[in-house]
Amino acid sequence: MVYFDNAATTKPDEECIKRAEKYLYSDFYNPSALYAEGYNINLELREARKNILSAVADAEKFELVFTSCGTEADNTAIFGGGRRGNVVTTAGEHSAVFAAVNELKQRGLEVRFANLNPDGSVNLEHLLSLVDGKTSLVSVIHVNNETGAVNDIAAIASKVKATNAYALFHSDGVQAFGKIPFKLTGNIDMYSISAHKIGGIKGCGALIKRKNLVIKPHIFGGGQEKGLRSGTENVFGIKIFEFAAAKRRAAIEENYEKVSKIKAAFLGGLDGGLFTVISGENSSPYIACVAAEGVRGETVLHEADDRGLIIGTGSACSSNEKKRFSRTILACGIGESLADGVLRISFSPENSVEEAQTAAKLLNEIVGNRKRIMA
């Protein structure tokens, strides 16, 4: 089997799981408990928080709040930051942001959506035209989860602040963290990350926020995470997240180069007469978005699966929406005929060039056969 749906989830890192096993079996104590064992687990959480944060941010300027996933981190940022006036975001956001801002719209806030460029990146000129003195929050995805387009969020945040210094800036960094070399700048107020995209396990994420930023929680209870996210912390998942983040951080440049070669091998092996490449040059090496006109992507996905190749057709988190066409792909200006044949192939450092070549050959065969049948 060849697994190329790593943007949906990665295989948990066995080494990291083994290191964290003790927090499941022996050091299982509640970190909020007053006895010594609980206090020691609390210290472990502090260590994990510091180590994960250090991968992308200065601990003197930012802090990290553990959540159950990237979606919760996004929701915390959106509902915590978008509390008045208008909220500006892009037409290519992950459903965790897109659905959350539409909920704000239902609550009476004005929501403005910036157009996309053909590769899925935000049209900066249009985005900035939407920001005004009443804008409370701007949210721009770092790496588009469907096309892989990379937004220069440091530059975008700087331009947003120049327009409205009081507007908060948030970015969904789920597809960037541990993959794209990057450090948060002072103009970025909030940044969402997730464990299972980098070899951690599902059920663990985090929101990184500027230290002096005050936001209201939307989960209430025992006051964990400094009152910003109540609920007993998932220590086992958090420690795996810590170990996986450290592993990715240590090899981020090496992995970037390796995965770039894998993506190049895949795209180079595709038949240009059968496929259109949607991902642009300024895209993450971890994601390739292609489309076959006249052939439904979902059909190709299932046949590929039957033959030992696992791929995606877009965001796995949007599959429950039961919509035939991806709103992000349509927002790139792609017509429905081509949008119907979109495939997302996403890589990890555990993949190989040989697997990429095999995948390209198989997809050429599947799509070629279907086109001949329909001819």
Protein backbone atom coordinates (compact mmCIF):
# COMPACT_ATOMS: atom_id res chain seq x y z
CA MET A 1 0.00 0.00 0.00
CA VAL A 2 1.15 3.55 -0.79
CA TYR A 3 -0.26 6.21 1.53
CA PHE A 4 -0.42 9.70 0.03
CA ASP A 5 -3.11 11.40 2.15
CA ASN A 6 -0.81 12.83 4.80
CA ALA A 7 -2.55 16.22 4.76
CA ALA A 8 -5.60 14.44 6.20
CA THR A 9 -3.57 12.65 8.85
CA THR A 10 -0.11 11.17 9.24
CA LYS A 11 0.81 7.78 10.63
CA PRO A 12 1.60 8.19 14.35
CA ASP A 13 5.33 8.04 15.02
CA GLU A 14 6.05 4.73 16.78
CA GLU A 15 9.17 6.03 18.51
CA CYS A 16 7.27 9.01 19.96
CA ILE A 17 4.41 6.77 21.11
CA LYS A 18 6.82 4.43 22.86
CA ARG A 19 8.48 7.34 24.67
CA ALA A 20 5.08 8.59 25.83
CA GLU A 21 3.62 5.24 26.90
CA LYS A 22 4.37 5.83 30.56
CA TYR A 23 1.92 8.75 30.60
CA LEU A 24 -0.79 6.29 29.63
CA TYR A 25 0.07 3.40 31.93
CA SER A 26 2.06 4.56 34.97
CA ASP A 27 2.22 8.37 35.05
CA PHE A 28 -1.49 8.70 34.39
CA TYR A 29 -2.23 11.24 37.13
CA ASN A 30 -4.38 14.32 36.74
CA PRO A 31 -2.06 17.33 36.28
CA SER A 32 -4.46 19.47 38.34
CA ALA A 33 -4.25 17.16 41.39
CA LEU A 34 -2.53 18.52 44.51
CA TYR A 35 -0.51 15.42 45.42
CA ALA A 36 3.12 15.10 44.27
CA GLU A 37 2.39 12.73 41.38
CA GLY A 38 -0.13 15.16 39.89
CA TYR A 39 2.23 18.10 40.37
CA ASN A 40 5.01 16.21 38.59
CA ILE A 41 2.72 15.61 35.62
CA ASN A 42 1.92 19.31 35.62
CA LEU A 43 5.64 19.97 35.30
CA GLU A 44 5.74 17.61 32.33
CA LEU A 45 2.98 19.66 30.69
CA ARG A 46 4.96 22.84 31.23
CA GLU A 47 7.97 21.22 29.57
CA ALA A 48 5.87 20.08 26.61
CA ARG A 49 4.32 23.53 26.26
CA LYS A 50 7.76 25.18 26.23
CA ASN A 51 9.24 22.73 23.73
CA ILE A 52 6.37 22.82 21.24
CA LEU A 53 6.19 26.61 21.41
CA SER A 54 9.93 26.98 20.80
CA ALA A 55 9.57 25.38 17.38
CA VAL A 56 7.92 28.50 15.92
CA ALA A 57 7.79 31.26 18.54
CA ASP A 58 9.66 33.28 21.13
CA ALA A 59 8.53 32.14 24.60
CA GLU A 60 8.96 35.66 25.95
CA LYS A 61 6.36 36.99 23.53
CA PHE A 62 4.01 34.04 22.98
CA GLU A 63 2.26 31.35 25.00
CA LEU A 64 0.61 28.06 24.07
CA VAL A 65 -2.85 26.76 25.00
CA PHE A 66 -3.48 23.05 24.49
CA THR A 67 -6.72 22.09 22.74
CA SER A 68 -8.30 18.88 21.50
CA CYS A 69 -7.44 19.58 17.84
CA GLY A 70 -6.68 22.22 15.23
CA THR A 71 -10.40 22.86 14.73
CA GLU A 72 -10.84 23.79 18.38
CA ALA A 73 -7.78 26.04 18.19
CA ASP A 74 -9.25 27.79 15.15
CA ASN A 75 -12.63 28.16 16.86
CA THR A 76 -10.99 29.58 19.99
CA ALA A 77 -9.23 32.19 17.88
CA ILE A 78 -12.27 33.10 15.78
CA PHE A 79 -14.79 33.36 18.61
CA GLY A 80 -12.25 34.88 20.97
CA GLY A 81 -11.03 37.50 18.49
CA GLY A 82 -14.04 38.26 16.29
CA ARG A 83 -16.29 40.00 18.78
CA ARG A 84 -17.27 43.29 17.12
CA GLY A 85 -17.43 45.19 13.84
CA ASN A 86 -16.36 43.01 10.93
CA VAL A 87 -14.17 39.94 10.42
CA VAL A 88 -12.02 39.48 7.33
CA THR A 89 -10.87 36.10 6.06
CA THR A 90 -10.27 34.33 2.76
CA ALA A 91 -12.42 32.22 0.46
CA GLY A 92 -9.90 29.37 0.85
CA GLU A 93 -9.95 28.76 4.58
CA HIS A 94 -10.23 25.35 6.20
CA SER A 95 -13.78 24.50 7.24
CA ALA A 96 -12.82 25.07 10.89
CA VAL A 97 -12.41 28.78 10.13
CA PHE A 98 -14.96 29.03 7.33
CA ALA A 99 -17.80 27.55 9.37
CA ALA A 100 -16.82 29.51 12.47
CA VAL A 101 -16.90 32.91 10.73
CA ASN A 102 -20.24 32.03 9.18
CA GLU A 103 -21.52 31.36 12.69
CA LEU A 104 -20.30 34.85 13.63
CA LYS A 105 -22.32 36.12 10.69
CA GLN A 106 -25.41 34.44 12.13
CA ARG A 107 -24.70 36.25 15.39
CA GLY A 108 -24.75 39.64 13.71
CA LEU A 109 -21.14 40.35 12.75
CA GLU A 110 -20.21 41.30 9.23
CA VAL A 111 -17.92 38.77 7.54
CA ARG A 112 -15.84 39.67 4.48
CA PHE A 113 -14.16 37.10 2.25
CA ALA A 114 -11.05 37.92 0.22
CA ASN A 115 -10.67 36.44 -3.25
CA LEU A 116 -8.10 33.78 -4.13
CA ASN A 117 -5.43 33.66 -6.78
CA PRO A 118 -5.54 30.71 -9.23
CA ASP A 119 -3.16 28.68 -7.03
CA GLY A 120 -5.29 29.08 -3.90
CA SER A 121 -3.24 31.82 -2.22
CA VAL A 122 -5.08 34.93 -1.04
CA ASN A 123 -5.35 37.96 -3.29
CA LEU A 124 -3.52 40.37 -1.00
CA GLU A 125 -4.79 43.54 -2.65
CA HIS A 126 -8.40 42.44 -2.24
CA LEU A 127 -7.80 41.29 1.34
CA LEU A 128 -6.36 44.65 2.37
CA SER A 129 -9.23 46.50 0.68
CA LEU A 130 -11.61 44.71 3.05
CA VAL A 131 -9.79 45.77 6.23
CA ASP A 132 -10.99 49.01 7.79
CA GLY A 133 -11.21 50.73 11.17
CA LYS A 134 -14.01 48.43 12.31
CA THR A 135 -12.20 45.18 11.56
CA SER A 136 -11.70 43.18 14.77
CA LEU A 137 -10.08 40.05 13.31
CA VAL A 138 -8.30 38.94 10.14
CA SER A 139 -7.69 35.21 9.60
CA VAL A 140 -5.49 33.94 6.75
CA ILE A 141 -4.49 30.30 6.38
CA HIS A 142 -0.72 29.73 6.27
CA VAL A 143 -0.66 26.76 3.88
CA ASN A 144 -3.85 26.07 1.95
CA ASN A 145 -4.97 22.60 2.92
CA GLU A 146 -6.25 21.76 -0.58
CA THR A 147 -3.82 23.37 -3.04
CA GLY A 148 -0.77 23.73 -0.79
CA ALA A 149 -0.44 27.45 -1.63
CA VAL A 150 1.77 29.24 0.91
CA ASN A 151 0.62 32.63 2.16
CA ASP A 152 3.35 34.94 3.47
CA ILE A 153 1.50 35.54 6.71
CA ALA A 154 4.30 37.61 8.26
CA ALA A 155 4.10 40.13 5.41
CA ILE A 156 0.30 39.98 5.30
CA ALA A 157 0.00 40.53 9.06
CA SER A 158 2.34 43.52 8.83
CA LYS A 159 0.22 45.11 6.09
CA VAL A 160 -3.00 44.42 8.02
CA LYS A 161 -1.60 46.11 11.13
CA ALA A 162 -0.50 49.09 9.04
CA THR A 163 -4.13 49.48 7.96
CA ASN A 164 -5.66 48.82 11.39
CA ALA A 165 -3.26 48.45 14.32
CA TYR A 166 -6.06 47.17 16.56
CA ALA A 167 -7.19 44.32 14.31
CA LEU A 168 -6.14 40.89 15.58
CA PHE A 169 -4.38 38.60 13.11
CA HIS A 170 -4.85 34.82 13.22
CA SER A 171 -3.51 32.09 10.97
CA ASP A 172 -4.40 28.42 10.68
CA GLY A 173 -0.92 26.89 10.64
CA VAL A 174 -1.99 23.25 10.74
CA GLN A 175 -0.48 22.35 7.34
CA ALA A 176 2.64 24.45 7.97
CA PHE A 177 3.76 23.57 11.50
CA GLY A 178 6.68 21.14 11.47
CA LYS A 179 6.86 21.30 7.68
CA ILE A 180 7.63 24.86 6.58
CA PRO A 181 10.57 26.68 8.24
CA PHE A 182 8.92 29.64 9.95
CA LYS A 183 8.92 31.84 13.05
CA LEU A 184 6.00 33.90 14.33
CA THR A 185 6.41 37.65 14.15
CA GLY A 186 5.00 40.24 16.55
CA ASN A 187 2.21 41.13 14.13
CA ILE A 188 0.73 37.63 14.34
CA ASP A 189 -1.56 37.39 17.37
CA MET A 190 -2.76 33.78 17.14
CA TYR A 191 -1.63 30.63 15.35
CA SER A 192 -3.30 27.18 15.29
CA ILE A 193 -1.45 23.86 15.12
CA SER A 194 -2.31 20.15 15.28
CA ALA A 195 -0.48 17.02 16.42
CA HIS A 196 -1.75 14.38 14.00
CA LYS A 197 -0.42 16.23 10.94
CA ILE A 198 3.20 15.65 12.05
CA GLY A 199 3.23 12.13 13.50
CA GLY A 200 1.30 12.80 16.69
CA ILE A 201 -2.07 11.29 17.52
CA LYS A 202 -5.57 12.64 16.95
CA GLY A 203 -7.22 14.51 19.79
CA CYS A 204 -4.46 17.02 20.45
CA GLY A 205 -3.76 20.51 19.12
CA ALA A 206 -2.83 23.96 20.36
CA LEU A 207 -3.43 27.66 19.91
CA ILE A 208 -0.35 29.83 20.14
CA LYS A 209 -1.20 33.37 21.19
CA ARG A 210 0.56 36.63 21.95
CA LYS A 211 1.17 36.81 25.72
CA ASN A 212 -0.57 40.12 26.37
CA LEU A 213 -3.58 39.20 24.27
CA VAL A 214 -6.77 38.74 26.29
CA ILE A 215 -9.40 36.51 24.70
CA LYS A 216 -12.45 34.87 26.21
CA PRO A 217 -12.68 31.07 26.29
CA HIS A 218 -15.60 29.20 24.79
CA ILE A 219 -15.10 26.02 26.86
CA PHE A 220 -15.74 26.55 30.57
CA GLY A 221 -15.21 24.33 33.58
CA GLY A 222 -12.25 23.64 35.84
CA GLY A 223 -10.10 26.50 34.59
CA GLN A 224 -7.28 24.46 33.04
CA GLU A 225 -4.87 26.13 30.60
CA LYS A 226 -5.02 29.37 32.60
CA GLY A 227 -8.79 29.41 32.19
CA LEU A 228 -8.60 29.51 28.40
CA ARG A 229 -9.49 25.88 27.83
CA SER A 230 -11.15 23.94 30.63
CA GLY A 231 -10.97 20.16 30.65
CA THR A 232 -8.37 17.71 31.94
CA GLU A 233 -5.38 17.80 29.62
CA ASN A 234 -4.60 14.88 27.32
CA VAL A 235 -1.12 14.30 28.76
CA PHE A 236 -0.39 11.20 26.67
CA GLY A 237 -1.32 12.98 23.43
CA ILE A 238 0.49 16.16 24.45
CA LYS A 239 3.75 14.34 25.18
CA ILE A 240 3.59 12.55 21.82
CA PHE A 241 2.95 15.98 20.25
CA GLU A 242 6.04 17.32 22.04
CA PHE A 243 8.27 14.48 20.87
CA ALA A 244 6.94 14.55 17.30
CA ALA A 245 7.37 18.34 17.09
CA ALA A 246 10.96 18.06 18.31
CA LYS A 247 11.68 15.34 15.76
CA ARG A 248 10.22 17.39 12.91
CA ARG A 249 11.98 20.56 14.06
CA ALA A 250 15.38 18.87 14.09
CA ALA A 251 14.96 17.64 10.50
CA ILE A 252 12.73 20.35 9.01
CA GLU A 253 15.19 21.50 6.34
CA GLU A 254 16.21 17.95 5.45
CA ASN A 255 12.57 16.84 5.28
CA TYR A 256 11.65 19.86 3.17
CA GLU A 257 14.28 18.94 0.59
CA LYS A 258 13.34 15.25 0.63
CA VAL A 259 9.61 15.87 0.24
CA SER A 260 10.28 18.42 -2.52
CA LYS A 261 11.98 15.67 -4.51
CA ILE A 262 9.07 13.30 -3.87
CA LYS A 263 6.54 15.87 -5.08
CA ALA A 264 8.66 16.67 -8.14
CA ALA A 265 8.88 12.98 -9.01
CA PHE A 266 5.12 12.61 -8.71
CA LEU A 267 4.28 15.66 -10.83
CA GLY A 268 6.99 14.77 -13.33
CA GLY A 269 5.47 11.32 -13.78
CA LEU A 270 1.92 12.53 -14.46
CA ASP A 271 0.67 12.61 -18.03
CA GLY A 272 0.20 16.28 -18.90
CA GLY A 273 -2.45 15.33 -21.41
CA LEU A 274 -4.58 13.81 -18.67
CA PHE A 275 -3.94 16.06 -15.68
CA THR A 276 -3.93 19.79 -14.92
CA VAL A 277 -1.69 20.84 -12.03
CA ILE A 278 -3.45 23.35 -9.76
CA SER A 279 -0.71 23.76 -7.14
CA GLY A 280 1.54 26.66 -8.10
CA GLU A 281 5.29 27.09 -7.80
CA ASN A 282 4.87 28.79 -4.42
CA SER A 283 3.25 25.80 -2.77
CA SER A 284 4.18 23.46 0.04
CA PRO A 285 6.17 20.41 -1.09
CA TYR A 286 3.87 18.39 1.14
CA ILE A 287 0.74 18.93 -1.01
CA ALA A 288 0.07 18.47 -4.74
CA CYS A 289 -3.34 19.36 -6.15
CA VAL A 290 -4.13 18.09 -9.64
CA ALA A 291 -7.29 17.55 -11.66
CA ALA A 292 -8.46 15.35 -14.52
CA GLU A 293 -11.18 17.00 -16.57
CA GLY A 294 -14.19 14.85 -17.33
CA VAL A 295 -13.34 12.19 -14.74
CA ARG A 296 -14.81 12.40 -11.26
CA GLY A 297 -12.11 12.61 -8.57
CA GLU A 298 -14.05 10.49 -6.12
CA THR A 299 -14.26 7.68 -8.66
CA VAL A 300 -10.50 7.82 -9.23
CA LEU A 301 -9.92 7.84 -5.46
CA HIS A 302 -11.92 4.62 -4.96
CA GLU A 303 -10.27 2.78 -7.84
CA ALA A 304 -6.84 3.87 -6.64
CA ASP A 305 -7.71 2.62 -3.16
CA ASP A 306 -8.74 -0.75 -4.58
CA ARG A 307 -5.31 -0.95 -6.21
CA GLY A 308 -3.29 -0.02 -3.14
CA LEU A 309 -2.94 3.76 -3.45
CA ILE A 310 -4.56 6.02 -0.86
CA ILE A 311 -5.08 9.66 -1.91
CA GLY A 312 -7.60 12.43 -1.25
CA THR A 313 -9.91 14.66 -3.24
CA GLY A 314 -9.54 17.71 -0.98
CA SER A 315 -9.97 18.45 2.70
CA ALA A 316 -10.97 15.33 4.61
CA CYS A 317 -12.71 17.59 7.14
CA SER A 318 -15.05 18.81 4.39
CA SER A 319 -16.05 15.35 3.17
CA ASN A 320 -19.08 15.35 5.46
CA GLU A 321 -20.50 18.45 3.74
CA LYS A 322 -21.63 16.24 0.81
CA LYS A 323 -20.92 18.94 -1.74
CA ARG A 324 -19.76 17.83 -5.16
CA PHE A 325 -17.42 20.75 -5.79
CA SER A 326 -14.83 22.17 -3.41
CA ARG A 327 -15.60 25.81 -2.59
CA THR A 328 -11.86 26.49 -2.40
CA ILE A 329 -11.19 25.06 -5.85
CA LEU A 330 -14.09 27.02 -7.35
CA ALA A 331 -12.77 30.16 -5.64
CA CYS A 332 -9.50 29.64 -7.54
CA GLY A 333 -11.48 30.32 -10.71
CA ILE A 334 -11.60 26.69 -11.82
CA GLY A 335 -14.72 25.57 -13.68
CA GLU A 336 -16.97 22.79 -12.41
CA SER A 337 -15.90 20.31 -15.11
CA LEU A 338 -12.28 20.45 -13.94
CA ALA A 339 -13.17 20.91 -10.26
CA ASP A 340 -15.07 17.61 -10.40
CA GLY A 341 -11.80 15.79 -11.12
CA VAL A 342 -9.66 17.27 -8.36
CA LEU A 343 -7.26 15.02 -6.46
CA ARG A 344 -5.09 15.96 -3.49
CA ILE A 345 -1.90 13.96 -3.09
CA SER A 346 -0.04 14.75 0.11
CA PHE A 347 3.37 13.52 1.16
CA SER A 348 5.45 12.91 4.27
CA PRO A 349 9.17 12.34 4.94
CA GLU A 350 8.34 8.64 5.34
CA ASN A 351 7.38 8.43 1.66
CA SER A 352 9.83 7.78 -1.18
CA VAL A 353 10.49 8.91 -4.74
CA GLU A 354 9.75 5.36 -5.89
CA GLU A 355 6.30 5.51 -4.28
CA ALA A 356 5.65 8.84 -6.02
CA GLN A 357 6.59 7.35 -9.39
CA THR A 358 4.36 4.34 -8.75
CA ALA A 359 1.45 6.61 -7.79
CA ALA A 360 1.80 8.76 -10.90
CA LYS A 361 1.94 5.71 -13.16
CA LEU A 362 -1.17 4.20 -11.53
CA LEU A 363 -3.17 7.44 -11.76
CA ASN A 364 -2.20 7.83 -15.43
CA GLU A 365 -3.51 4.33 -16.05
CA ILE A 366 -6.76 4.81 -14.11
CA VAL A 367 -7.65 8.16 -15.69
CA GLY A 368 -6.47 7.08 -19.16
CA ASN A 369 -8.66 3.97 -19.05
CA ARG A 370 -11.70 5.94 -17.90
CA LYS A 371 -11.27 8.51 -20.63
CA ARG A 372 -11.02 5.76 -23.25
CA ILE A 373 -14.21 4.14 -21.90
CA MET A 374 -16.07 7.46 -22.06
CA ALA A 375 -14.78 8.32 -25.54
